[in-house]
Amino acid sequence: MADKEIRTYDVVVIGAGPVGENVADRTRAAGLSTVIVESELVGGESSYWAWEPSKALLRPALLYREAARFPGVGGAITGRLDAPAVLKHGDRMVADWSD
């Protein structure tokens, strides 16, 4: 698109977090031309800095603890949680912080 090209849209959504994504999806489904303006990563705070990365880091520890306590399984748990692998999993879950 040329620097001076002007486009017109029916709807301009400010922010591509979960709500912005839903608004854009619904307005497009209703036949309106829609554009999203986002200064950060698409998906918003929950996807990249809050819920998703937190869950990705907490889940392995919760599974480890639960498995260690479960009858017939606890004895099979040897060694410690692999922290570098857990951190790498967290990065993967947020697409390595890249849109």
N, C-alpha and C. Protein backbone atom coordinates (compact mmCIF):
# COMPACT_ATOMS: atom_id res chain seq x y z
N MET A 1 0.85 -1.17 0.00
CA MET A 1 0.00 0.00 0.00
C MET A 1 0.90 1.24 0.00
N ALA A 2 0.63 2.17 -0.88
CA ALA A 2 1.40 3.41 -0.98
C ALA A 2 1.20 4.25 0.27
N ASP A 3 2.19 5.06 0.61
CA ASP A 3 2.12 5.90 1.81
C ASP A 3 0.92 6.82 1.82
N LYS A 4 0.49 7.28 0.67
CA LYS A 4 -0.59 8.27 0.62
C LYS A 4 -1.95 7.66 0.28
N GLU A 5 -2.01 6.36 0.18
CA GLU A 5 -3.28 5.71 -0.13
C GLU A 5 -4.20 5.79 1.09
N ILE A 6 -5.44 6.14 0.85
CA ILE A 6 -6.43 6.27 1.92
C ILE A 6 -7.46 5.17 1.76
N ARG A 7 -7.77 4.51 2.88
CA ARG A 7 -8.79 3.48 2.89
C ARG A 7 -9.88 3.87 3.87
N THR A 8 -11.09 3.47 3.55
CA THR A 8 -12.24 3.76 4.40
C THR A 8 -12.82 2.45 4.91
N TYR A 9 -13.15 2.40 6.19
CA TYR A 9 -13.74 1.21 6.80
C TYR A 9 -15.02 1.59 7.52
N ASP A 10 -15.92 0.62 7.63
CA ASP A 10 -17.14 0.84 8.41
C ASP A 10 -16.84 0.87 9.90
N VAL A 11 -15.90 0.01 10.33
CA VAL A 11 -15.59 -0.12 11.75
C VAL A 11 -14.08 -0.12 11.94
N VAL A 12 -13.61 0.64 12.92
CA VAL A 12 -12.21 0.63 13.33
C VAL A 12 -12.19 0.13 14.77
N VAL A 13 -11.53 -1.00 14.99
CA VAL A 13 -11.44 -1.59 16.32
C VAL A 13 -10.08 -1.21 16.90
N ILE A 14 -10.09 -0.55 18.05
CA ILE A 14 -8.85 -0.16 18.72
C ILE A 14 -8.51 -1.24 19.75
N GLY A 15 -7.45 -1.97 19.48
CA GLY A 15 -7.02 -3.03 20.39
C GLY A 15 -7.41 -4.40 19.90
N ALA A 16 -6.43 -5.29 19.81
CA ALA A 16 -6.68 -6.64 19.30
C ALA A 16 -6.61 -7.68 20.40
N GLY A 17 -7.10 -7.29 21.58
CA GLY A 17 -7.23 -8.27 22.66
C GLY A 17 -8.44 -9.15 22.38
N PRO A 18 -8.81 -10.00 23.32
CA PRO A 18 -9.95 -10.89 23.12
C PRO A 18 -11.23 -10.17 22.71
N VAL A 19 -11.53 -9.05 23.35
CA VAL A 19 -12.75 -8.32 23.02
C VAL A 19 -12.65 -7.73 21.62
N GLY A 20 -11.52 -7.09 21.31
CA GLY A 20 -11.33 -6.51 19.98
C GLY A 20 -11.43 -7.54 18.88
N GLU A 21 -10.85 -8.71 19.12
CA GLU A 21 -10.93 -9.79 18.13
C GLU A 21 -12.37 -10.21 17.91
N ASN A 22 -13.14 -10.32 19.00
CA ASN A 22 -14.56 -10.70 18.88
C ASN A 22 -15.37 -9.64 18.15
N VAL A 23 -15.12 -8.38 18.48
CA VAL A 23 -15.84 -7.29 17.80
C VAL A 23 -15.54 -7.34 16.31
N ALA A 24 -14.26 -7.47 15.95
CA ALA A 24 -13.87 -7.52 14.54
C ALA A 24 -14.53 -8.71 13.84
N ASP A 25 -14.53 -9.86 14.50
CA ASP A 25 -15.14 -11.05 13.91
C ASP A 25 -16.64 -10.84 13.66
N ARG A 26 -17.32 -10.28 14.62
CA ARG A 26 -18.77 -10.08 14.48
C ARG A 26 -19.12 -9.01 13.46
N THR A 27 -18.34 -7.93 13.41
CA THR A 27 -18.65 -6.90 12.43
C THR A 27 -18.37 -7.38 11.01
N ARG A 28 -17.31 -8.18 10.85
CA ARG A 28 -17.03 -8.77 9.53
C ARG A 28 -18.14 -9.74 9.13
N ALA A 29 -18.58 -10.55 10.10
CA ALA A 29 -19.66 -11.50 9.82
C ALA A 29 -20.95 -10.78 9.44
N ALA A 30 -21.13 -9.55 9.94
CA ALA A 30 -22.31 -8.76 9.61
C ALA A 30 -22.15 -8.02 8.28
N GLY A 31 -21.01 -8.24 7.63
CA GLY A 31 -20.80 -7.64 6.32
C GLY A 31 -20.17 -6.25 6.34
N LEU A 32 -19.67 -5.82 7.49
CA LEU A 32 -19.04 -4.51 7.59
C LEU A 32 -17.54 -4.63 7.34
N SER A 33 -16.99 -3.66 6.63
CA SER A 33 -15.53 -3.66 6.46
C SER A 33 -14.92 -3.22 7.79
N THR A 34 -13.90 -3.97 8.22
CA THR A 34 -13.36 -3.78 9.57
C THR A 34 -11.85 -3.80 9.54
N VAL A 35 -11.25 -2.95 10.35
CA VAL A 35 -9.79 -2.94 10.53
C VAL A 35 -9.52 -2.89 12.03
N ILE A 36 -8.44 -3.58 12.44
CA ILE A 36 -8.01 -3.57 13.84
C ILE A 36 -6.71 -2.77 13.92
N VAL A 37 -6.63 -1.89 14.92
CA VAL A 37 -5.41 -1.14 15.19
C VAL A 37 -4.87 -1.64 16.52
N GLU A 38 -3.63 -2.14 16.51
CA GLU A 38 -3.02 -2.71 17.71
C GLU A 38 -1.54 -2.34 17.74
N SER A 39 -1.06 -1.85 18.88
CA SER A 39 0.34 -1.47 19.00
C SER A 39 1.20 -2.59 19.58
N GLU A 40 0.58 -3.62 20.09
CA GLU A 40 1.31 -4.74 20.68
C GLU A 40 1.02 -6.01 19.88
N LEU A 41 1.12 -7.15 20.54
CA LEU A 41 0.85 -8.43 19.90
C LEU A 41 -0.65 -8.69 19.80
N VAL A 42 -1.09 -9.22 18.69
CA VAL A 42 -2.50 -9.56 18.53
C VAL A 42 -2.83 -10.67 19.52
N GLY A 43 -3.91 -10.52 20.22
CA GLY A 43 -4.32 -11.48 21.23
C GLY A 43 -4.43 -10.82 22.59
N GLY A 44 -3.74 -9.71 22.74
CA GLY A 44 -3.85 -8.92 23.96
C GLY A 44 -3.08 -9.46 25.14
N GLU A 45 -3.27 -8.83 26.26
CA GLU A 45 -2.53 -9.11 27.48
C GLU A 45 -2.72 -10.55 27.95
N SER A 46 -3.94 -11.05 27.91
CA SER A 46 -4.20 -12.40 28.39
C SER A 46 -3.42 -13.44 27.62
N SER A 47 -3.35 -13.28 26.32
CA SER A 47 -2.68 -14.27 25.50
C SER A 47 -1.17 -14.26 25.65
N TYR A 48 -0.57 -13.10 25.88
CA TYR A 48 0.88 -13.02 25.86
C TYR A 48 1.53 -12.71 27.20
N TRP A 49 0.86 -12.03 28.10
CA TRP A 49 1.51 -11.64 29.34
C TRP A 49 0.79 -12.11 30.59
N ALA A 50 -0.41 -12.60 30.48
CA ALA A 50 -1.17 -12.94 31.68
C ALA A 50 -1.54 -14.42 31.72
N TRP A 51 -2.75 -14.75 31.33
CA TRP A 51 -3.27 -16.11 31.52
C TRP A 51 -2.48 -17.18 30.79
N GLU A 52 -2.27 -17.04 29.51
CA GLU A 52 -1.62 -18.12 28.76
C GLU A 52 -0.22 -18.45 29.27
N PRO A 53 0.68 -17.47 29.38
CA PRO A 53 2.01 -17.84 29.87
C PRO A 53 1.99 -18.34 31.31
N SER A 54 1.12 -17.77 32.14
CA SER A 54 1.03 -18.23 33.53
C SER A 54 0.59 -19.68 33.60
N LYS A 55 -0.44 -20.02 32.84
CA LYS A 55 -0.92 -21.40 32.83
C LYS A 55 0.15 -22.34 32.28
N ALA A 56 0.85 -21.91 31.24
CA ALA A 56 1.88 -22.74 30.65
C ALA A 56 3.01 -23.04 31.63
N LEU A 57 3.29 -22.11 32.52
CA LEU A 57 4.35 -22.32 33.50
C LEU A 57 3.85 -23.07 34.74
N LEU A 58 2.61 -22.86 35.12
CA LEU A 58 2.08 -23.50 36.32
C LEU A 58 1.65 -24.95 36.09
N ARG A 59 1.13 -25.24 34.92
CA ARG A 59 0.57 -26.58 34.67
C ARG A 59 1.58 -27.70 34.88
N PRO A 60 2.81 -27.62 34.36
CA PRO A 60 3.76 -28.71 34.60
C PRO A 60 4.02 -28.95 36.09
N ALA A 61 4.12 -27.88 36.89
CA ALA A 61 4.36 -28.05 38.32
C ALA A 61 3.16 -28.70 39.00
N LEU A 62 1.95 -28.30 38.59
CA LEU A 62 0.75 -28.90 39.17
C LEU A 62 0.64 -30.38 38.80
N LEU A 63 0.95 -30.70 37.55
CA LEU A 63 0.91 -32.10 37.12
C LEU A 63 1.94 -32.94 37.87
N TYR A 64 3.13 -32.40 38.02
CA TYR A 64 4.21 -33.09 38.73
C TYR A 64 3.78 -33.41 40.15
N ARG A 65 3.24 -32.39 40.84
CA ARG A 65 2.82 -32.58 42.23
C ARG A 65 1.68 -33.59 42.33
N GLU A 66 0.71 -33.48 41.42
CA GLU A 66 -0.43 -34.40 41.44
C GLU A 66 0.02 -35.83 41.16
N ALA A 67 0.87 -36.00 40.17
CA ALA A 67 1.36 -37.35 39.83
C ALA A 67 2.14 -37.95 40.99
N ALA A 68 2.95 -37.13 41.67
CA ALA A 68 3.75 -37.62 42.80
C ALA A 68 2.86 -38.12 43.94
N ARG A 69 1.68 -37.55 44.08
CA ARG A 69 0.76 -37.95 45.16
C ARG A 69 -0.19 -39.08 44.77
N PHE A 70 -0.31 -39.35 43.48
CA PHE A 70 -1.31 -40.30 43.01
C PHE A 70 -0.86 -41.74 43.31
N PRO A 71 -1.73 -42.55 43.92
CA PRO A 71 -1.36 -43.93 44.25
C PRO A 71 -0.94 -44.72 43.00
N GLY A 72 0.17 -45.40 43.12
CA GLY A 72 0.67 -46.22 42.02
C GLY A 72 1.50 -45.45 41.01
N VAL A 73 1.53 -44.15 41.12
CA VAL A 73 2.30 -43.33 40.17
C VAL A 73 3.46 -42.63 40.87
N GLY A 74 3.24 -42.24 42.11
CA GLY A 74 4.23 -41.46 42.84
C GLY A 74 5.62 -42.07 42.83
N GLY A 75 5.69 -43.39 42.92
CA GLY A 75 7.00 -44.05 42.92
C GLY A 75 7.73 -43.94 41.59
N ALA A 76 7.00 -43.68 40.53
CA ALA A 76 7.62 -43.56 39.20
C ALA A 76 8.20 -42.18 38.97
N ILE A 77 7.85 -41.25 39.83
CA ILE A 77 8.35 -39.88 39.68
C ILE A 77 9.76 -39.83 40.24
N THR A 78 10.70 -39.63 39.37
CA THR A 78 12.10 -39.50 39.79
C THR A 78 12.66 -38.19 39.25
N GLY A 79 13.60 -37.65 39.95
CA GLY A 79 14.20 -36.41 39.48
C GLY A 79 13.33 -35.21 39.77
N ARG A 80 13.80 -34.09 39.29
CA ARG A 80 13.13 -32.82 39.53
C ARG A 80 12.46 -32.33 38.26
N LEU A 81 11.63 -31.33 38.41
CA LEU A 81 11.02 -30.68 37.26
C LEU A 81 12.12 -30.02 36.43
N ASP A 82 12.05 -30.14 35.12
CA ASP A 82 13.04 -29.56 34.21
C ASP A 82 12.66 -28.12 33.92
N ALA A 83 13.18 -27.18 34.73
CA ALA A 83 12.81 -25.77 34.61
C ALA A 83 13.08 -25.19 33.22
N PRO A 84 14.24 -25.43 32.60
CA PRO A 84 14.45 -24.89 31.25
C PRO A 84 13.41 -25.40 30.24
N ALA A 85 13.01 -26.67 30.36
CA ALA A 85 12.00 -27.21 29.44
C ALA A 85 10.65 -26.56 29.69
N VAL A 86 10.31 -26.31 30.96
CA VAL A 86 9.05 -25.65 31.29
C VAL A 86 9.04 -24.23 30.72
N LEU A 87 10.14 -23.50 30.86
CA LEU A 87 10.23 -22.14 30.32
C LEU A 87 10.13 -22.14 28.81
N LYS A 88 10.76 -23.11 28.17
CA LYS A 88 10.68 -23.22 26.70
C LYS A 88 9.24 -23.50 26.27
N HIS A 89 8.55 -24.35 27.02
CA HIS A 89 7.14 -24.64 26.75
C HIS A 89 6.31 -23.36 26.86
N GLY A 90 6.59 -22.55 27.89
CA GLY A 90 5.88 -21.28 28.06
C GLY A 90 6.07 -20.37 26.85
N ASP A 91 7.29 -20.29 26.34
CA ASP A 91 7.56 -19.48 25.14
C ASP A 91 6.80 -20.01 23.93
N ARG A 92 6.78 -21.33 23.78
CA ARG A 92 6.05 -21.94 22.66
C ARG A 92 4.56 -21.63 22.73
N MET A 93 4.01 -21.63 23.93
CA MET A 93 2.57 -21.40 24.10
C MET A 93 2.16 -19.98 23.72
N VAL A 94 3.11 -19.05 23.71
CA VAL A 94 2.80 -17.68 23.30
C VAL A 94 3.51 -17.36 21.99
N ALA A 95 3.68 -18.40 21.16
CA ALA A 95 4.24 -18.26 19.80
C ALA A 95 5.59 -17.56 19.83
N ASP A 96 6.40 -17.87 20.83
CA ASP A 96 7.71 -17.25 20.97
C ASP A 96 7.64 -15.72 20.95
N TRP A 97 6.53 -15.18 21.45
CA TRP A 97 6.32 -13.73 21.58
C TRP A 97 6.29 -13.03 20.23
N SER A 98 5.84 -13.72 19.21
CA SER A 98 5.84 -13.14 17.87
C SER A 98 4.47 -13.31 17.22
N ASP A 99 4.00 -12.25 16.59
CA ASP A 99 2.78 -12.32 15.81
C ASP A 99 3.09 -12.87 14.44
